[in-house]
N, C-alpha and C. Protein backbone atom coordinates (compact mmCIF):
# COMPACT_ATOMS: atom_id res chain seq x y z
N MET A 1 100.29 82.29 85.03
CA MET A 1 99.17 82.84 85.85
C MET A 1 99.31 84.36 85.97
N LYS A 2 98.32 85.09 85.63
CA LYS A 2 98.31 86.55 85.64
C LYS A 2 97.69 87.04 86.93
N PHE A 3 98.48 87.84 87.64
CA PHE A 3 97.96 88.45 88.84
C PHE A 3 97.22 89.71 88.59
N PRO A 4 96.18 89.97 89.37
CA PRO A 4 95.35 91.20 89.12
C PRO A 4 96.24 92.44 89.36
N LYS A 5 95.93 93.48 88.57
CA LYS A 5 96.63 94.73 88.74
C LYS A 5 96.58 95.29 90.13
N GLU A 6 95.48 95.06 90.81
CA GLU A 6 95.23 95.58 92.18
C GLU A 6 96.40 94.97 93.10
N LEU A 7 96.59 93.67 92.97
CA LEU A 7 97.57 93.05 93.79
C LEU A 7 98.99 93.49 93.46
N ILE A 8 99.25 93.60 92.13
CA ILE A 8 100.59 94.02 91.69
C ILE A 8 100.88 95.40 92.22
N ASN A 9 99.94 96.32 92.05
CA ASN A 9 100.12 97.67 92.46
C ASN A 9 100.15 97.81 93.97
N GLY A 10 99.40 96.98 94.68
CA GLY A 10 99.46 96.92 96.12
C GLY A 10 100.84 96.45 96.56
N ILE A 11 101.49 95.55 95.90
CA ILE A 11 102.85 95.11 96.21
C ILE A 11 103.85 96.24 95.85
N ILE A 12 103.60 97.01 94.83
CA ILE A 12 104.42 98.10 94.54
C ILE A 12 104.36 99.14 95.71
N ILE A 13 103.19 99.33 96.24
CA ILE A 13 103.04 100.26 97.38
C ILE A 13 103.90 99.75 98.53
N ILE A 14 103.74 98.49 98.93
CA ILE A 14 104.52 97.98 100.07
C ILE A 14 106.03 98.04 99.84
N LEU A 15 106.43 97.75 98.57
CA LEU A 15 107.86 97.82 98.34
C LEU A 15 108.39 99.20 98.43
N GLY A 16 107.61 100.18 97.90
CA GLY A 16 107.97 101.59 98.03
C GLY A 16 108.07 102.08 99.44
N ILE A 17 107.04 101.76 100.18
CA ILE A 17 107.05 102.15 101.62
C ILE A 17 108.13 101.49 102.38
N GLY A 18 108.30 100.18 102.17
CA GLY A 18 109.39 99.41 102.87
C GLY A 18 110.78 99.96 102.58
N ILE A 19 111.08 100.16 101.30
CA ILE A 19 112.36 100.68 100.91
C ILE A 19 112.58 102.15 101.50
N TYR A 20 111.52 102.89 101.44
CA TYR A 20 111.60 104.28 101.92
C TYR A 20 111.94 104.28 103.45
N PHE A 21 111.19 103.43 104.22
CA PHE A 21 111.48 103.41 105.67
C PHE A 21 112.85 102.81 105.99
N LEU A 22 113.27 101.81 105.17
CA LEU A 22 114.61 101.25 105.39
C LEU A 22 115.71 102.25 105.16
N ILE A 23 115.54 103.08 104.13
CA ILE A 23 116.48 104.15 103.80
C ILE A 23 116.52 105.14 104.92
N MET A 24 115.33 105.53 105.43
CA MET A 24 115.21 106.47 106.47
C MET A 24 115.93 105.96 107.75
N GLU A 25 115.75 104.72 108.00
CA GLU A 25 116.47 104.09 109.21
C GLU A 25 117.90 103.99 109.04
N LEU A 26 118.41 103.69 107.81
CA LEU A 26 119.84 103.61 107.55
C LEU A 26 120.51 104.99 107.65
N LEU A 27 119.75 106.03 107.26
CA LEU A 27 120.27 107.45 107.33
C LEU A 27 120.07 108.07 108.71
N GLY A 28 119.41 107.32 109.65
CA GLY A 28 119.18 107.82 110.94
C GLY A 28 118.07 108.83 111.03
N LEU A 29 117.18 108.81 110.06
CA LEU A 29 116.07 109.79 110.02
C LEU A 29 114.73 109.21 110.43
N ALA A 30 114.70 107.91 110.94
CA ALA A 30 113.49 107.21 111.28
C ALA A 30 112.71 107.92 112.38
N ASP A 31 113.37 108.64 113.24
CA ASP A 31 112.69 109.31 114.36
C ASP A 31 112.06 110.68 114.00
N ILE A 32 112.25 111.13 112.73
CA ILE A 32 111.59 112.37 112.31
C ILE A 32 110.22 112.12 111.78
N TYR A 33 109.23 112.56 112.55
CA TYR A 33 107.89 112.21 112.31
C TYR A 33 107.40 112.70 110.90
N ILE A 34 107.74 113.94 110.53
CA ILE A 34 107.20 114.54 109.33
C ILE A 34 107.60 113.70 108.09
N LEU A 35 108.83 113.07 108.14
CA LEU A 35 109.21 112.22 106.99
C LEU A 35 108.42 110.97 106.86
N ARG A 36 107.78 110.53 107.98
CA ARG A 36 106.91 109.32 107.88
C ARG A 36 105.63 109.64 107.11
N VAL A 37 105.21 110.83 107.08
CA VAL A 37 104.00 111.27 106.40
C VAL A 37 104.08 111.06 104.92
N PHE A 38 105.25 111.12 104.40
CA PHE A 38 105.44 110.98 102.94
C PHE A 38 105.15 109.63 102.35
N ASN A 39 104.94 108.56 103.27
CA ASN A 39 104.60 107.26 102.70
C ASN A 39 103.27 107.27 101.92
N VAL A 40 102.46 108.30 102.20
CA VAL A 40 101.21 108.37 101.41
C VAL A 40 101.47 108.59 99.91
N LEU A 41 102.64 109.13 99.57
CA LEU A 41 102.97 109.22 98.15
C LEU A 41 103.01 107.93 97.43
N PHE A 42 103.42 106.90 98.12
CA PHE A 42 103.51 105.58 97.51
C PHE A 42 102.09 104.97 97.39
N ILE A 43 101.15 105.34 98.25
CA ILE A 43 99.78 104.96 98.08
C ILE A 43 99.19 105.67 96.88
N PHE A 44 99.48 106.89 96.72
CA PHE A 44 99.01 107.63 95.54
C PHE A 44 99.59 107.03 94.28
N TYR A 45 100.83 106.67 94.30
CA TYR A 45 101.48 106.08 93.07
C TYR A 45 100.84 104.76 92.62
N GLY A 46 100.69 103.84 93.63
CA GLY A 46 100.15 102.59 93.27
C GLY A 46 98.66 102.61 92.87
N THR A 47 97.90 103.42 93.57
CA THR A 47 96.49 103.56 93.30
C THR A 47 96.30 104.20 91.92
N ASN A 48 97.07 105.23 91.66
CA ASN A 48 97.00 105.93 90.39
C ASN A 48 97.30 105.00 89.24
N ARG A 49 98.34 104.11 89.39
CA ARG A 49 98.67 103.10 88.39
C ARG A 49 97.47 102.22 88.05
N THR A 50 96.71 101.80 89.06
CA THR A 50 95.57 100.99 88.86
C THR A 50 94.48 101.74 88.06
N LEU A 51 94.17 102.97 88.50
CA LEU A 51 93.21 103.75 87.74
C LEU A 51 93.62 104.14 86.33
N LYS A 52 94.84 104.45 86.17
CA LYS A 52 95.36 104.68 84.83
C LYS A 52 95.22 103.50 83.94
N SER A 53 95.50 102.29 84.50
CA SER A 53 95.37 101.10 83.69
C SER A 53 93.86 100.81 83.35
N ASN A 54 93.05 101.07 84.38
CA ASN A 54 91.58 100.82 84.11
C ASN A 54 91.05 101.77 83.02
N PHE A 55 91.45 103.03 83.03
CA PHE A 55 90.95 103.95 82.02
C PHE A 55 91.60 103.67 80.66
N ALA A 56 92.80 103.10 80.66
CA ALA A 56 93.47 102.78 79.39
C ALA A 56 92.71 101.53 78.77
N GLU A 57 92.19 100.71 79.62
CA GLU A 57 91.45 99.51 79.10
C GLU A 57 89.96 99.90 78.80
N GLY A 58 89.60 101.09 78.97
CA GLY A 58 88.26 101.59 78.68
C GLY A 58 87.25 101.38 79.79
N LYS A 59 87.69 101.10 80.97
CA LYS A 59 86.81 100.96 82.15
C LYS A 59 86.66 102.35 82.75
N THR A 60 85.49 102.94 82.49
CA THR A 60 85.29 104.32 82.98
C THR A 60 84.13 104.40 84.00
N GLU A 61 83.55 103.29 84.40
CA GLU A 61 82.52 103.29 85.46
C GLU A 61 83.11 103.61 86.79
N ILE A 62 82.56 104.54 87.44
CA ILE A 62 83.15 105.02 88.76
C ILE A 62 83.06 103.92 89.83
N ALA A 63 81.99 103.16 89.81
CA ALA A 63 81.78 102.14 90.81
C ALA A 63 82.90 101.09 90.75
N SER A 64 83.15 100.54 89.61
CA SER A 64 84.11 99.47 89.48
C SER A 64 85.55 100.09 89.69
N ASN A 65 85.76 101.30 89.20
CA ASN A 65 87.10 101.92 89.44
C ASN A 65 87.31 102.22 90.90
N SER A 66 86.28 102.60 91.59
CA SER A 66 86.46 102.90 93.05
C SER A 66 86.81 101.59 93.85
N VAL A 67 86.09 100.48 93.46
CA VAL A 67 86.42 99.23 94.09
C VAL A 67 87.89 98.81 93.80
N SER A 68 88.25 98.93 92.58
CA SER A 68 89.61 98.62 92.10
C SER A 68 90.64 99.45 92.82
N ALA A 69 90.43 100.74 92.88
CA ALA A 69 91.40 101.65 93.49
C ALA A 69 91.50 101.46 95.00
N LEU A 70 90.33 101.28 95.61
CA LEU A 70 90.36 101.01 97.04
C LEU A 70 91.00 99.67 97.39
N ALA A 71 90.76 98.68 96.59
CA ALA A 71 91.37 97.39 96.86
C ALA A 71 92.90 97.50 96.72
N THR A 72 93.36 98.27 95.68
CA THR A 72 94.86 98.45 95.56
C THR A 72 95.43 99.12 96.78
N SER A 73 94.82 100.24 97.22
CA SER A 73 95.39 100.96 98.32
C SER A 73 95.32 100.18 99.65
N LEU A 74 94.19 99.44 99.87
CA LEU A 74 94.05 98.67 101.06
C LEU A 74 95.02 97.47 101.04
N ILE A 75 95.26 96.87 99.93
CA ILE A 75 96.24 95.76 99.86
C ILE A 75 97.65 96.28 100.33
N GLY A 76 97.99 97.48 99.73
CA GLY A 76 99.25 98.11 100.11
C GLY A 76 99.36 98.40 101.57
N VAL A 77 98.28 98.95 102.14
CA VAL A 77 98.28 99.33 103.60
C VAL A 77 98.38 98.13 104.47
N ILE A 78 97.53 97.12 104.18
CA ILE A 78 97.52 95.94 105.04
C ILE A 78 98.81 95.18 104.95
N LEU A 79 99.34 95.00 103.72
CA LEU A 79 100.68 94.34 103.65
C LEU A 79 101.71 95.10 104.33
N SER A 80 101.68 96.44 104.24
CA SER A 80 102.67 97.29 104.95
C SER A 80 102.64 97.12 106.44
N ILE A 81 101.40 97.07 106.95
CA ILE A 81 101.22 96.89 108.46
C ILE A 81 101.79 95.50 108.85
N ALA A 82 101.50 94.45 108.01
CA ALA A 82 101.97 93.17 108.34
C ALA A 82 103.47 93.11 108.29
N ALA A 83 104.08 93.85 107.32
CA ALA A 83 105.57 93.91 107.25
C ALA A 83 106.12 94.62 108.45
N LEU A 84 105.42 95.68 108.90
CA LEU A 84 105.87 96.45 110.06
C LEU A 84 105.84 95.55 111.29
N ILE A 85 104.83 94.74 111.45
CA ILE A 85 104.78 93.86 112.61
C ILE A 85 105.90 92.88 112.57
N ALA A 86 106.17 92.20 111.43
CA ALA A 86 107.26 91.30 111.32
C ALA A 86 108.57 91.96 111.57
N TYR A 87 108.81 93.18 110.98
CA TYR A 87 110.03 93.84 111.16
C TYR A 87 110.23 94.36 112.60
N SER A 88 109.12 94.77 113.26
CA SER A 88 109.22 95.19 114.69
C SER A 88 109.63 94.05 115.58
N PHE A 89 109.08 92.86 115.39
CA PHE A 89 109.47 91.74 116.19
C PHE A 89 110.91 91.36 115.88
N ALA A 90 111.37 91.49 114.65
CA ALA A 90 112.77 91.13 114.28
C ALA A 90 113.73 92.12 114.88
N LYS A 91 113.29 93.35 115.12
CA LYS A 91 114.09 94.42 115.70
C LYS A 91 114.03 94.50 117.26
N GLY A 92 113.24 93.65 117.82
CA GLY A 92 113.14 93.71 119.30
C GLY A 92 111.73 93.91 119.86
N GLY A 93 110.75 93.94 119.04
CA GLY A 93 109.42 94.05 119.48
C GLY A 93 109.05 95.33 120.16
N GLU A 94 108.67 95.26 121.47
CA GLU A 94 108.21 96.36 122.19
C GLU A 94 109.23 97.46 122.34
N LYS A 95 110.51 97.07 122.48
CA LYS A 95 111.57 98.03 122.58
C LYS A 95 111.72 98.87 121.33
N TYR A 96 111.62 98.21 120.15
CA TYR A 96 111.69 98.89 118.90
C TYR A 96 110.46 99.91 118.72
N ILE A 97 109.26 99.38 119.02
CA ILE A 97 108.06 100.22 118.91
C ILE A 97 108.15 101.39 119.87
N GLY A 98 108.81 101.15 121.07
CA GLY A 98 108.95 102.26 122.03
C GLY A 98 109.72 103.39 121.43
N SER A 99 110.76 103.01 120.68
CA SER A 99 111.67 104.07 120.06
C SER A 99 110.91 104.81 118.97
N LEU A 100 109.97 104.14 118.33
CA LEU A 100 109.22 104.82 117.23
C LEU A 100 108.13 105.70 117.84
N SER A 101 107.52 105.24 118.92
CA SER A 101 106.36 105.99 119.47
C SER A 101 106.71 107.25 120.18
N LYS A 102 107.97 107.49 120.52
CA LYS A 102 108.39 108.73 121.20
C LYS A 102 107.97 109.92 120.36
N THR A 103 108.00 109.82 119.09
CA THR A 103 107.70 110.95 118.26
C THR A 103 106.38 110.86 117.51
N PHE A 104 105.58 109.84 117.92
CA PHE A 104 104.35 109.57 117.20
C PHE A 104 103.19 109.92 118.09
N LEU A 105 102.05 109.23 117.96
CA LEU A 105 100.79 109.61 118.57
C LEU A 105 100.61 109.11 119.97
N PHE A 106 101.56 108.26 120.46
CA PHE A 106 101.29 107.64 121.74
C PHE A 106 102.08 108.21 122.89
N GLY A 107 101.47 108.11 124.03
CA GLY A 107 102.15 108.35 125.25
C GLY A 107 102.36 106.97 125.91
N GLY A 108 103.29 106.89 126.79
CA GLY A 108 103.53 105.62 127.44
C GLY A 108 104.31 104.70 126.51
N GLU A 109 104.03 103.39 126.72
CA GLU A 109 104.68 102.38 125.94
C GLU A 109 103.70 101.46 125.25
N PRO A 110 103.30 101.73 124.04
CA PRO A 110 102.40 100.88 123.28
C PRO A 110 103.03 99.56 122.93
N SER A 111 102.15 98.57 122.78
CA SER A 111 102.60 97.28 122.29
C SER A 111 102.74 97.31 120.75
N VAL A 112 103.39 96.29 120.27
CA VAL A 112 103.45 96.15 118.78
C VAL A 112 102.13 96.16 118.15
N MET A 113 101.19 95.38 118.74
CA MET A 113 99.91 95.36 118.16
C MET A 113 99.09 96.56 118.28
N THR A 114 99.18 97.24 119.44
CA THR A 114 98.44 98.60 119.62
C THR A 114 98.94 99.59 118.59
N TYR A 115 100.22 99.63 118.46
CA TYR A 115 100.85 100.55 117.55
C TYR A 115 100.42 100.25 116.08
N SER A 116 100.43 98.92 115.74
CA SER A 116 100.10 98.47 114.41
C SER A 116 98.60 98.66 114.11
N ILE A 117 97.75 98.46 115.08
CA ILE A 117 96.31 98.62 114.88
C ILE A 117 95.99 100.13 114.66
N SER A 118 96.60 100.94 115.44
CA SER A 118 96.38 102.38 115.14
C SER A 118 96.91 102.86 113.82
N LEU A 119 98.06 102.37 113.38
CA LEU A 119 98.53 102.64 112.06
C LEU A 119 97.65 102.03 110.97
N LEU A 120 97.01 100.85 111.31
CA LEU A 120 96.10 100.29 110.34
C LEU A 120 94.88 101.25 110.09
N PHE A 121 94.36 101.79 111.24
CA PHE A 121 93.24 102.76 111.11
C PHE A 121 93.65 103.97 110.35
N GLU A 122 94.91 104.49 110.63
CA GLU A 122 95.35 105.63 109.91
C GLU A 122 95.54 105.33 108.39
N GLY A 123 96.07 104.13 108.15
CA GLY A 123 96.28 103.70 106.74
C GLY A 123 95.04 103.51 105.99
N ILE A 124 93.97 102.94 106.60
CA ILE A 124 92.72 102.77 105.93
C ILE A 124 92.12 104.15 105.64
N SER A 125 92.23 105.09 106.54
CA SER A 125 91.75 106.45 106.32
C SER A 125 92.44 107.06 105.11
N SER A 126 93.78 106.90 105.12
CA SER A 126 94.58 107.42 104.01
C SER A 126 94.18 106.80 102.68
N ALA A 127 93.98 105.46 102.74
CA ALA A 127 93.60 104.77 101.54
C ALA A 127 92.21 105.31 100.98
N ILE A 128 91.29 105.58 101.82
CA ILE A 128 89.98 106.01 101.39
C ILE A 128 90.14 107.43 100.80
N ILE A 129 90.88 108.31 101.45
CA ILE A 129 91.07 109.69 101.03
C ILE A 129 91.81 109.72 99.70
N VAL A 130 92.84 108.90 99.58
CA VAL A 130 93.54 108.82 98.31
C VAL A 130 92.74 108.28 97.17
N THR A 131 91.93 107.31 97.49
CA THR A 131 91.03 106.71 96.45
C THR A 131 90.06 107.76 95.97
N PHE A 132 89.43 108.56 96.88
CA PHE A 132 88.44 109.54 96.47
C PHE A 132 89.10 110.68 95.67
N MET A 133 90.33 111.11 96.13
CA MET A 133 91.00 112.13 95.45
C MET A 133 91.35 111.76 93.98
N LEU A 134 91.88 110.52 93.78
CA LEU A 134 92.25 110.07 92.55
C LEU A 134 91.03 109.77 91.62
N LEU A 135 89.95 109.33 92.18
CA LEU A 135 88.71 109.09 91.44
C LEU A 135 88.23 110.49 90.94
N LEU A 136 88.23 111.45 91.74
CA LEU A 136 87.90 112.81 91.25
C LEU A 136 88.74 113.29 90.15
N TYR A 137 90.01 113.08 90.28
CA TYR A 137 90.96 113.53 89.22
C TYR A 137 90.70 112.75 87.94
N TRP A 138 90.56 111.43 87.97
CA TRP A 138 90.37 110.67 86.75
C TRP A 138 89.02 110.86 86.19
N GLU A 139 87.97 111.04 87.02
CA GLU A 139 86.62 111.27 86.55
C GLU A 139 86.51 112.55 85.78
N THR A 140 87.23 113.61 86.22
CA THR A 140 87.14 114.89 85.48
C THR A 140 88.09 114.89 84.29
N ARG A 141 89.05 114.02 84.30
CA ARG A 141 90.03 114.00 83.19
C ARG A 141 89.41 113.31 81.94
N TYR A 142 88.62 112.30 82.15
CA TYR A 142 88.00 111.56 81.07
C TYR A 142 86.48 111.71 81.20
N SER A 143 85.96 112.25 80.15
CA SER A 143 84.46 112.39 80.16
C SER A 143 83.75 111.05 79.93
N SER A 144 82.57 110.93 80.50
CA SER A 144 81.91 109.69 80.34
C SER A 144 80.40 109.98 79.90
N ASP A 145 79.76 108.91 79.48
CA ASP A 145 78.40 109.04 78.91
C ASP A 145 77.43 109.57 79.94
N LYS A 146 77.66 109.35 81.23
CA LYS A 146 76.67 109.77 82.23
C LYS A 146 76.61 111.23 82.35
N HIS A 147 77.66 111.96 81.94
CA HIS A 147 77.68 113.40 82.07
C HIS A 147 77.16 114.05 80.79
N GLY A 148 76.81 113.23 79.81
CA GLY A 148 76.28 113.79 78.56
C GLY A 148 77.36 114.26 77.57
N ASN A 149 78.63 114.04 77.92
CA ASN A 149 79.71 114.52 77.06
C ASN A 149 80.09 113.43 76.08
N LYS A 150 80.58 113.86 74.97
CA LYS A 150 80.95 112.90 73.91
C LYS A 150 82.53 112.63 74.11
N SER A 151 82.90 111.39 74.06
CA SER A 151 84.36 111.03 74.26
C SER A 151 85.08 111.26 72.97
């Protein structure tokens, strides 16, 4: 059974983000907010792999590529949030989230679900931005018939 490239690359995203955050926690760097921002690089990597594969297969239509790229990044984001929820509860739930939220967007003591939902919205925004940026990159890199260029 062959899995779709969107799922495979989405799993690559979650593995990259998961390993990155585990290494940060092992090194005692998990409380440094700016290092958490770099997880977007894994979304870029997985989404770019999907688009690169699509263009290598001759799929140059922007509509189908945008759906494919967005699906990849959203799979990665949603699975990452699900993994965060499971990991948070394994590490103590509200107490663990409380230690993360000191340097994040929240005041007070957010619940695991409140924290995860806000990260989901942030992740979806990142996925959309990454998708558009990579579509622009790949669209200008390969000429297509709609622009009147010859390939």
